[in-house]
């Protein structure tokens, strides 16, 4: 625990060491994902990156990854590009809009 956390009485023993990489599921590292958003409208935050989407489970954790093809670079960013209230996926100059 760092000295600032000790002075504030915070218990940071449960946090990963600086520079550590967390695991999403089945040894898939968090660093493999670049976007967190509610992709399926269930109110839970899902993870997206590259060619994989991991949808959150209601009780915690994530369902197994779902492969998606969105161009050569994969998913680079998630945002509501057409302002319909649903997150869309961006790859370079291509945007995959949700219906």
C-alpha atoms as a PDB file:
ATOM      1  CA  UNK A   1       0.000   0.000   0.000  1.00  0.00           C
ATOM      2  CA  UNK A   2       1.415   3.422  -0.851  1.00  0.00           C
ATOM      3  CA  UNK A   3       2.008   6.011   1.861  1.00  0.00           C
ATOM      4  CA  UNK A   4      -0.817   8.343   0.707  1.00  0.00           C
ATOM      5  CA  UNK A   5      -3.344   5.506   0.910  1.00  0.00           C
ATOM      6  CA  UNK A   6      -2.052   4.552   4.373  1.00  0.00           C
ATOM      7  CA  UNK A   7      -2.427   8.152   5.599  1.00  0.00           C
ATOM      8  CA  UNK A   8      -6.026   8.199   4.373  1.00  0.00           C
ATOM      9  CA  UNK A   9      -6.808   4.838   5.963  1.00  0.00           C
ATOM     10  CA  UNK A  10      -7.563   3.239   2.593  1.00  0.00           C
ATOM     11  CA  UNK A  11      -7.006  -0.480   2.145  1.00  0.00           C
ATOM     12  CA  UNK A  12      -5.533  -0.935  -1.326  1.00  0.00           C
ATOM     13  CA  UNK A  13      -4.193  -4.467  -0.776  1.00  0.00           C
ATOM     14  CA  UNK A  14      -6.897  -5.838  -3.128  1.00  0.00           C
ATOM     15  CA  UNK A  15      -5.753  -3.653  -6.060  1.00  0.00           C
ATOM     16  CA  UNK A  16      -3.316  -5.030  -8.664  1.00  0.00           C
ATOM     17  CA  UNK A  17       0.251  -3.790  -8.578  1.00  0.00           C
ATOM     18  CA  UNK A  18       1.089  -0.833 -10.794  1.00  0.00           C
ATOM     19  CA  UNK A  19       1.441  -1.989 -14.400  1.00  0.00           C
ATOM     20  CA  UNK A  20      -0.408  -5.261 -13.751  1.00  0.00           C
ATOM     21  CA  UNK A  21      -2.872  -6.496 -16.349  1.00  0.00           C
ATOM     22  CA  UNK A  22      -6.261  -7.851 -15.241  1.00  0.00           C
ATOM     23  CA  UNK A  23      -7.994 -10.867 -16.758  1.00  0.00           C
ATOM     24  CA  UNK A  24     -11.516 -10.656 -18.194  1.00  0.00           C
ATOM     25  CA  UNK A  25     -12.225 -14.377 -18.616  1.00  0.00           C
ATOM     26  CA  UNK A  26     -10.391 -17.416 -19.925  1.00  0.00           C
ATOM     27  CA  UNK A  27      -7.059 -15.576 -19.741  1.00  0.00           C
ATOM     28  CA  UNK A  28      -8.258 -12.705 -21.964  1.00  0.00           C
ATOM     29  CA  UNK A  29      -6.466  -9.598 -20.730  1.00  0.00           C
ATOM     30  CA  UNK A  30      -8.305  -6.308 -20.117  1.00  0.00           C
ATOM     31  CA  UNK A  31      -5.698  -4.627 -22.316  1.00  0.00           C
ATOM     32  CA  UNK A  32      -7.215  -6.470 -25.316  1.00  0.00           C
ATOM     33  CA  UNK A  33     -10.275  -4.189 -25.021  1.00  0.00           C
ATOM     34  CA  UNK A  34     -10.420  -0.489 -25.760  1.00  0.00           C
ATOM     35  CA  UNK A  35     -14.090   0.290 -25.117  1.00  0.00           C
ATOM     36  CA  UNK A  36     -16.592  -0.262 -22.324  1.00  0.00           C
ATOM     37  CA  UNK A  37     -20.279   0.430 -23.087  1.00  0.00           C
ATOM     38  CA  UNK A  38     -23.751  -1.099 -22.724  1.00  0.00           C
ATOM     39  CA  UNK A  39     -23.800  -2.723 -26.170  1.00  0.00           C
ATOM     40  CA  UNK A  40     -27.044  -4.698 -25.839  1.00  0.00           C
ATOM     41  CA  UNK A  41     -29.229  -2.304 -23.843  1.00  0.00           C
ATOM     42  CA  UNK A  42     -29.462  -4.424 -20.682  1.00  0.00           C
ATOM     43  CA  UNK A  43     -28.001  -1.712 -18.414  1.00  0.00           C
ATOM     44  CA  UNK A  44     -24.714  -3.592 -17.876  1.00  0.00           C
ATOM     45  CA  UNK A  45     -21.336  -2.447 -19.180  1.00  0.00           C
ATOM     46  CA  UNK A  46     -19.883  -4.721 -21.866  1.00  0.00           C
ATOM     47  CA  UNK A  47     -16.299  -4.850 -23.200  1.00  0.00           C
ATOM     48  CA  UNK A  48     -15.319  -4.419 -26.864  1.00  0.00           C
ATOM     49  CA  UNK A  49     -12.029  -4.438 -28.716  1.00  0.00           C
ATOM     50  CA  UNK A  50     -10.396  -5.935 -31.763  1.00  0.00           C
ATOM     51  CA  UNK A  51     -12.795  -8.524 -33.162  1.00  0.00           C
ATOM     52  CA  UNK A  52     -14.448  -9.546 -29.886  1.00  0.00           C
ATOM     53  CA  UNK A  53     -17.379  -8.384 -27.782  1.00  0.00           C
ATOM     54  CA  UNK A  54     -17.849  -9.629 -24.206  1.00  0.00           C
ATOM     55  CA  UNK A  55     -21.373  -9.054 -22.900  1.00  0.00           C
ATOM     56  CA  UNK A  56     -21.748  -8.646 -19.128  1.00  0.00           C
ATOM     57  CA  UNK A  57     -23.643 -11.187 -17.016  1.00  0.00           C
ATOM     58  CA  UNK A  58     -26.310  -9.811 -14.632  1.00  0.00           C
ATOM     59  CA  UNK A  59     -24.656 -11.417 -11.584  1.00  0.00           C
ATOM     60  CA  UNK A  60     -21.156 -10.261 -12.527  1.00  0.00           C
ATOM     61  CA  UNK A  61     -18.517 -11.399 -14.959  1.00  0.00           C
ATOM     62  CA  UNK A  62     -18.894 -11.766 -18.698  1.00  0.00           C
ATOM     63  CA  UNK A  63     -20.325 -14.241 -21.178  1.00  0.00           C
ATOM     64  CA  UNK A  64     -17.793 -15.907 -23.515  1.00  0.00           C
ATOM     65  CA  UNK A  65     -16.560 -13.561 -26.256  1.00  0.00           C
ATOM     66  CA  UNK A  66     -18.557 -13.105 -29.446  1.00  0.00           C
ATOM     67  CA  UNK A  67     -16.555 -12.612 -32.622  1.00  0.00           C
ATOM     68  CA  UNK A  68     -17.439  -9.687 -34.864  1.00  0.00           C
ATOM     69  CA  UNK A  69     -15.946  -8.510 -38.163  1.00  0.00           C
ATOM     70  CA  UNK A  70     -15.732  -4.738 -38.529  1.00  0.00           C
ATOM     71  CA  UNK A  71     -12.867  -4.151 -40.946  1.00  0.00           C
ATOM     72  CA  UNK A  72      -9.151  -4.856 -40.809  1.00  0.00           C
ATOM     73  CA  UNK A  73      -8.489  -2.981 -37.539  1.00  0.00           C
ATOM     74  CA  UNK A  74     -11.406  -4.355 -35.508  1.00  0.00           C
ATOM     75  CA  UNK A  75     -13.376  -2.222 -33.047  1.00  0.00           C
ATOM     76  CA  UNK A  76     -11.435   0.970 -32.299  1.00  0.00           C
ATOM     77  CA  UNK A  77     -14.083   3.058 -30.533  1.00  0.00           C
ATOM     78  CA  UNK A  78     -17.663   2.849 -29.280  1.00  0.00           C
ATOM     79  CA  UNK A  79     -19.963   5.899 -29.274  1.00  0.00           C
ATOM     80  CA  UNK A  80     -23.479   6.938 -30.293  1.00  0.00           C
ATOM     81  CA  UNK A  81     -22.539   8.376 -33.696  1.00  0.00           C
ATOM     82  CA  UNK A  82     -26.095   8.792 -35.024  1.00  0.00           C
ATOM     83  CA  UNK A  83     -27.627   9.995 -31.711  1.00  0.00           C
ATOM     84  CA  UNK A  84     -30.268   7.288 -31.465  1.00  0.00           C
ATOM     85  CA  UNK A  85     -29.328   6.332 -27.893  1.00  0.00           C
ATOM     86  CA  UNK A  86     -27.555   3.100 -28.911  1.00  0.00           C
ATOM     87  CA  UNK A  87     -23.765   2.650 -28.969  1.00  0.00           C
ATOM     88  CA  UNK A  88     -22.234   2.192 -32.434  1.00  0.00           C
ATOM     89  CA  UNK A  89     -18.857   0.678 -33.339  1.00  0.00           C
ATOM     90  CA  UNK A  90     -16.096   2.557 -35.181  1.00  0.00           C
ATOM     91  CA  UNK A  91     -13.234   1.159 -37.240  1.00  0.00           C
ATOM     92  CA  UNK A  92     -11.122   3.771 -38.984  1.00  0.00           C
ATOM     93  CA  UNK A  93     -13.536   5.319 -41.464  1.00  0.00           C
ATOM     94  CA  UNK A  94     -16.241   2.655 -41.075  1.00  0.00           C
ATOM     95  CA  UNK A  95     -19.076   2.859 -38.546  1.00  0.00           C
ATOM     96  CA  UNK A  96     -21.342  -0.063 -37.661  1.00  0.00           C
ATOM     97  CA  UNK A  97     -24.686   1.417 -36.530  1.00  0.00           C
ATOM     98  CA  UNK A  98     -27.083  -0.511 -34.305  1.00  0.00           C
ATOM     99  CA  UNK A  99     -30.713  -0.893 -35.399  1.00  0.00           C
END
